[in-house]
Amino acid sequence: MSAGEKARAKAEQVVGKAIRKVAHAVHNDTVAAKGAALQTRGAMRGAKERTKDSFKH
């Protein structure tokens, strides 16, 4: 797994979590859902890359 992909996955998780928390604070459910989706996409990207790494070894 390249370092760039790891960073991208982690960045999506962090940004998604921040967006979700801010949206919940201002009671904006639509934006909160988009933040949760971004966070989940980052988690899935990280899982995909970890799986690829496990097959390389």
PDB file of N, CA and C in Angstrom:
ATOM      1  N   MET A   1       0.849  -1.176   0.000  1.00  0.00           N
ATOM      2  CA  MET A   1       0.000   0.000   0.000  1.00  0.00           C
ATOM      3  C   MET A   1       0.882   1.221   0.000  1.00  0.00           C
ATOM      4  N   SER A   2       0.615   2.116  -0.895  1.00  0.00           N
ATOM      5  CA  SER A   2       1.435   3.315  -0.958  1.00  0.00           C
ATOM      6  C   SER A   2       1.097   4.254   0.198  1.00  0.00           C
ATOM      7  N   ALA A   3       2.068   5.032   0.564  1.00  0.00           N
ATOM      8  CA  ALA A   3       1.870   5.981   1.653  1.00  0.00           C
ATOM      9  C   ALA A   3       0.802   7.002   1.294  1.00  0.00           C
ATOM     10  N   GLY A   4       0.730   7.339   0.020  1.00  0.00           N
ATOM     11  CA  GLY A   4      -0.285   8.296  -0.430  1.00  0.00           C
ATOM     12  C   GLY A   4      -1.693   7.779  -0.237  1.00  0.00           C
ATOM     13  N   GLU A   5      -1.912   6.510  -0.535  1.00  0.00           N
ATOM     14  CA  GLU A   5      -3.236   5.916  -0.352  1.00  0.00           C
ATOM     15  C   GLU A   5      -3.594   5.823   1.130  1.00  0.00           C
ATOM     16  N   LYS A   6      -2.616   5.487   1.960  1.00  0.00           N
ATOM     17  CA  LYS A   6      -2.863   5.440   3.408  1.00  0.00           C
ATOM     18  C   LYS A   6      -3.277   6.811   3.907  1.00  0.00           C
ATOM     19  N   ALA A   7      -2.546   7.831   3.474  1.00  0.00           N
ATOM     20  CA  ALA A   7      -2.836   9.198   3.901  1.00  0.00           C
ATOM     21  C   ALA A   7      -4.208   9.635   3.404  1.00  0.00           C
ATOM     22  N   ARG A   8      -4.538   9.284   2.180  1.00  0.00           N
ATOM     23  CA  ARG A   8      -5.826   9.668   1.622  1.00  0.00           C
ATOM     24  C   ARG A   8      -6.972   9.018   2.393  1.00  0.00           C
ATOM     25  N   ALA A   9      -6.817   7.745   2.734  1.00  0.00           N
ATOM     26  CA  ALA A   9      -7.854   7.046   3.493  1.00  0.00           C
ATOM     27  C   ALA A   9      -8.029   7.671   4.872  1.00  0.00           C
ATOM     28  N   LYS A  10      -6.931   7.956   5.544  1.00  0.00           N
ATOM     29  CA  LYS A  10      -7.015   8.545   6.883  1.00  0.00           C
ATOM     30  C   LYS A  10      -7.592   9.954   6.824  1.00  0.00           C
ATOM     31  N   ALA A  11      -7.202  10.718   5.804  1.00  0.00           N
ATOM     32  CA  ALA A  11      -7.717  12.077   5.656  1.00  0.00           C
ATOM     33  C   ALA A  11      -9.229  12.066   5.444  1.00  0.00           C
ATOM     34  N   GLU A  12      -9.717  11.152   4.630  1.00  0.00           N
ATOM     35  CA  GLU A  12     -11.163  11.061   4.415  1.00  0.00           C
ATOM     36  C   GLU A  12     -11.884  10.717   5.714  1.00  0.00           C
ATOM     37  N   GLN A  13     -11.299   9.846   6.503  1.00  0.00           N
ATOM     38  CA  GLN A  13     -11.925   9.480   7.775  1.00  0.00           C
ATOM     39  C   GLN A  13     -11.990  10.681   8.713  1.00  0.00           C
ATOM     40  N   VAL A  14     -10.879  11.407   8.821  1.00  0.00           N
ATOM     41  CA  VAL A  14     -10.810  12.541   9.749  1.00  0.00           C
ATOM     42  C   VAL A  14     -11.735  13.667   9.298  1.00  0.00           C
ATOM     43  N   VAL A  15     -11.693  14.003   8.021  1.00  0.00           N
ATOM     44  CA  VAL A  15     -12.544  15.079   7.501  1.00  0.00           C
ATOM     45  C   VAL A  15     -14.013  14.698   7.629  1.00  0.00           C
ATOM     46  N   GLY A  16     -14.356  13.464   7.296  1.00  0.00           N
ATOM     47  CA  GLY A  16     -15.738  13.016   7.412  1.00  0.00           C
ATOM     48  C   GLY A  16     -16.253  13.085   8.834  1.00  0.00           C
ATOM     49  N   LYS A  17     -15.417  12.692   9.774  1.00  0.00           N
ATOM     50  CA  LYS A  17     -15.823  12.739  11.180  1.00  0.00           C
ATOM     51  C   LYS A  17     -16.027  14.176  11.637  1.00  0.00           C
ATOM     52  N   ALA A  18     -15.145  15.076  11.219  1.00  0.00           N
ATOM     53  CA  ALA A  18     -15.267  16.480  11.598  1.00  0.00           C
ATOM     54  C   ALA A  18     -16.537  17.087  11.007  1.00  0.00           C
ATOM     55  N   ILE A  19     -16.797  16.814   9.739  1.00  0.00           N
ATOM     56  CA  ILE A  19     -18.004  17.339   9.095  1.00  0.00           C
ATOM     57  C   ILE A  19     -19.248  16.816   9.806  1.00  0.00           C
ATOM     58  N   ARG A  20     -19.232  15.527  10.114  1.00  0.00           N
ATOM     59  CA  ARG A  20     -20.395  14.914  10.774  1.00  0.00           C
ATOM     60  C   ARG A  20     -20.663  15.552  12.130  1.00  0.00           C
ATOM     61  N   LYS A  21     -19.607  15.760  12.916  1.00  0.00           N
ATOM     62  CA  LYS A  21     -19.788  16.324  14.259  1.00  0.00           C
ATOM     63  C   LYS A  21     -20.274  17.770  14.205  1.00  0.00           C
ATOM     64  N   VAL A  22     -19.725  18.556  13.291  1.00  0.00           N
ATOM     65  CA  VAL A  22     -20.165  19.947  13.164  1.00  0.00           C
ATOM     66  C   VAL A  22     -21.611  20.002  12.692  1.00  0.00           C
ATOM     67  N   ALA A  23     -21.968  19.160  11.745  1.00  0.00           N
ATOM     68  CA  ALA A  23     -23.336  19.148  11.230  1.00  0.00           C
ATOM     69  C   ALA A  23     -24.331  18.732  12.318  1.00  0.00           C
ATOM     70  N   HIS A  24     -23.943  17.775  13.138  1.00  0.00           N
ATOM     71  CA  HIS A  24     -24.823  17.389  14.250  1.00  0.00           C
ATOM     72  C   HIS A  24     -24.985  18.543  15.226  1.00  0.00           C
ATOM     73  N   ALA A  25     -23.931  19.295  15.448  1.00  0.00           N
ATOM     74  CA  ALA A  25     -23.990  20.414  16.391  1.00  0.00           C
ATOM     75  C   ALA A  25     -24.961  21.494  15.919  1.00  0.00           C
ATOM     76  N   VAL A  26     -25.056  21.690  14.619  1.00  0.00           N
ATOM     77  CA  VAL A  26     -25.961  22.715  14.085  1.00  0.00           C
ATOM     78  C   VAL A  26     -27.265  22.106  13.568  1.00  0.00           C
ATOM     79  N   HIS A  27     -27.480  20.828  13.846  1.00  0.00           N
ATOM     80  CA  HIS A  27     -28.724  20.121  13.511  1.00  0.00           C
ATOM     81  C   HIS A  27     -28.996  20.097  12.012  1.00  0.00           C
ATOM     82  N   ASN A  28     -27.976  19.799  11.233  1.00  0.00           N
ATOM     83  CA  ASN A  28     -28.122  19.665   9.791  1.00  0.00           C
ATOM     84  C   ASN A  28     -27.895  18.202   9.431  1.00  0.00           C
ATOM     85  N   ASP A  29     -28.989  17.460   9.328  1.00  0.00           N
ATOM     86  CA  ASP A  29     -28.901  16.021   9.119  1.00  0.00           C
ATOM     87  C   ASP A  29     -28.380  15.645   7.736  1.00  0.00           C
ATOM     88  N   THR A  30     -28.657  16.454   6.735  1.00  0.00           N
ATOM     89  CA  THR A  30     -28.195  16.151   5.384  1.00  0.00           C
ATOM     90  C   THR A  30     -26.676  16.185   5.311  1.00  0.00           C
ATOM     91  N   VAL A  31     -26.089  17.227   5.841  1.00  0.00           N
ATOM     92  CA  VAL A  31     -24.635  17.354   5.821  1.00  0.00           C
ATOM     93  C   VAL A  31     -24.007  16.308   6.737  1.00  0.00           C
ATOM     94  N   ALA A  32     -24.667  15.986   7.840  1.00  0.00           N
ATOM     95  CA  ALA A  32     -24.160  14.953   8.740  1.00  0.00           C
ATOM     96  C   ALA A  32     -24.091  13.610   8.016  1.00  0.00           C
ATOM     97  N   ALA A  33     -25.082  13.315   7.204  1.00  0.00           N
ATOM     98  CA  ALA A  33     -25.079  12.060   6.446  1.00  0.00           C
ATOM     99  C   ALA A  33     -23.954  12.046   5.420  1.00  0.00           C
ATOM    100  N   LYS A  34     -23.698  13.189   4.784  1.00  0.00           N
ATOM    101  CA  LYS A  34     -22.597  13.261   3.820  1.00  0.00           C
ATOM    102  C   LYS A  34     -21.254  13.073   4.518  1.00  0.00           C
ATOM    103  N   GLY A  35     -21.120  13.640   5.717  1.00  0.00           N
ATOM    104  CA  GLY A  35     -19.892  13.454   6.485  1.00  0.00           C
ATOM    105  C   GLY A  35     -19.699  12.002   6.888  1.00  0.00           C
ATOM    106  N   ALA A  36     -20.778  11.364   7.288  1.00  0.00           N
ATOM    107  CA  ALA A  36     -20.704   9.947   7.657  1.00  0.00           C
ATOM    108  C   ALA A  36     -20.331   9.097   6.452  1.00  0.00           C
ATOM    109  N   ALA A  37     -20.854   9.447   5.289  1.00  0.00           N
ATOM    110  CA  ALA A  37     -20.519   8.702   4.069  1.00  0.00           C
ATOM    111  C   ALA A  37     -19.040   8.867   3.730  1.00  0.00           C
ATOM    112  N   LEU A  38     -18.525  10.078   3.884  1.00  0.00           N
ATOM    113  CA  LEU A  38     -17.110  10.327   3.613  1.00  0.00           C
ATOM    114  C   LEU A  38     -16.234   9.544   4.585  1.00  0.00           C
ATOM    115  N   GLN A  39     -16.634   9.527   5.842  1.00  0.00           N
ATOM    116  CA  GLN A  39     -15.887   8.791   6.857  1.00  0.00           C
ATOM    117  C   GLN A  39     -15.888   7.292   6.532  1.00  0.00           C
ATOM    118  N   THR A  40     -17.022   6.764   6.145  1.00  0.00           N
ATOM    119  CA  THR A  40     -17.128   5.350   5.800  1.00  0.00           C
ATOM    120  C   THR A  40     -16.314   5.026   4.555  1.00  0.00           C
ATOM    121  N   ARG A  41     -16.340   5.921   3.573  1.00  0.00           N
ATOM    122  CA  ARG A  41     -15.557   5.694   2.356  1.00  0.00           C
ATOM    123  C   ARG A  41     -14.069   5.624   2.691  1.00  0.00           C
ATOM    124  N   GLY A  42     -13.609   6.482   3.598  1.00  0.00           N
ATOM    125  CA  GLY A  42     -12.214   6.434   4.022  1.00  0.00           C
ATOM    126  C   GLY A  42     -11.878   5.137   4.725  1.00  0.00           C
ATOM    127  N   ALA A  43     -12.798   4.665   5.556  1.00  0.00           N
ATOM    128  CA  ALA A  43     -12.574   3.406   6.266  1.00  0.00           C
ATOM    129  C   ALA A  43     -12.518   2.230   5.293  1.00  0.00           C
ATOM    130  N   MET A  44     -13.385   2.245   4.299  1.00  0.00           N
ATOM    131  CA  MET A  44     -13.389   1.162   3.315  1.00  0.00           C
ATOM    132  C   MET A  44     -12.143   1.217   2.435  1.00  0.00           C
ATOM    133  N   ARG A  45     -11.695   2.418   2.086  1.00  0.00           N
ATOM    134  CA  ARG A  45     -10.477   2.552   1.294  1.00  0.00           C
ATOM    135  C   ARG A  45      -9.292   1.985   2.087  1.00  0.00           C
ATOM    136  N   GLY A  46      -9.227   2.282   3.382  1.00  0.00           N
ATOM    137  CA  GLY A  46      -8.160   1.758   4.222  1.00  0.00           C
ATOM    138  C   GLY A  46      -8.221   0.239   4.326  1.00  0.00           C
ATOM    139  N   ALA A  47      -9.425  -0.306   4.451  1.00  0.00           N
ATOM    140  CA  ALA A  47      -9.581  -1.762   4.533  1.00  0.00           C
ATOM    141  C   ALA A  47      -9.151  -2.424   3.234  1.00  0.00           C
ATOM    142  N   LYS A  48      -9.489  -1.814   2.115  1.00  0.00           N
ATOM    143  CA  LYS A  48      -9.104  -2.359   0.812  1.00  0.00           C
ATOM    144  C   LYS A  48      -7.582  -2.395   0.681  1.00  0.00           C
ATOM    145  N   GLU A  49      -6.934  -1.328   1.082  1.00  0.00           N
ATOM    146  CA  GLU A  49      -5.486  -1.261   0.965  1.00  0.00           C
ATOM    147  C   GLU A  49      -4.798  -2.241   1.920  1.00  0.00           C
ATOM    148  N   ARG A  50      -5.348  -2.414   3.122  1.00  0.00           N
ATOM    149  CA  ARG A  50      -4.790  -3.389   4.059  1.00  0.00           C
ATOM    150  C   ARG A  50      -4.929  -4.806   3.507  1.00  0.00           C
ATOM    151  N   THR A  51      -6.056  -5.084   2.839  1.00  0.00           N
ATOM    152  CA  THR A  51      -6.270  -6.396   2.240  1.00  0.00           C
ATOM    153  C   THR A  51      -5.256  -6.635   1.122  1.00  0.00           C
ATOM    154  N   LYS A  52      -5.020  -5.627   0.302  1.00  0.00           N
ATOM    155  CA  LYS A  52      -4.029  -5.767  -0.755  1.00  0.00           C
ATOM    156  C   LYS A  52      -2.651  -6.039  -0.171  1.00  0.00           C
ATOM    157  N   ASP A  53      -2.309  -5.370   0.922  1.00  0.00           N
ATOM    158  CA  ASP A  53      -1.025  -5.593   1.573  1.00  0.00           C
ATOM    159  C   ASP A  53      -0.897  -7.012   2.089  1.00  0.00           C
ATOM    160  N   SER A  54      -1.976  -7.562   2.624  1.00  0.00           N
ATOM    161  CA  SER A  54      -1.896  -8.904   3.200  1.00  0.00           C
ATOM    162  C   SER A  54      -1.602  -9.955   2.127  1.00  0.00           C
ATOM    163  N   PHE A  55      -2.038  -9.718   0.904  1.00  0.00           N
ATOM    164  CA  PHE A  55      -1.776 -10.668  -0.169  1.00  0.00           C
ATOM    165  C   PHE A  55      -0.371 -10.526  -0.741  1.00  0.00           C
ATOM    166  N   LYS A  56       0.237  -9.385  -0.531  1.00  0.00           N
ATOM    167  CA  LYS A  56       1.597  -9.161  -1.050  1.00  0.00           C
ATOM    168  C   LYS A  56       2.656  -9.893  -0.221  1.00  0.00           C
ATOM    169  N   HIS A  57       2.338 -10.200   1.024  1.00  0.00           N
ATOM    170  CA  HIS A  57       3.353 -10.795   1.910  1.00  0.00           C
ATOM    171  C   HIS A  57       3.245 -12.268   1.951  1.00  0.00           C
TER     172      HIS A  57
END
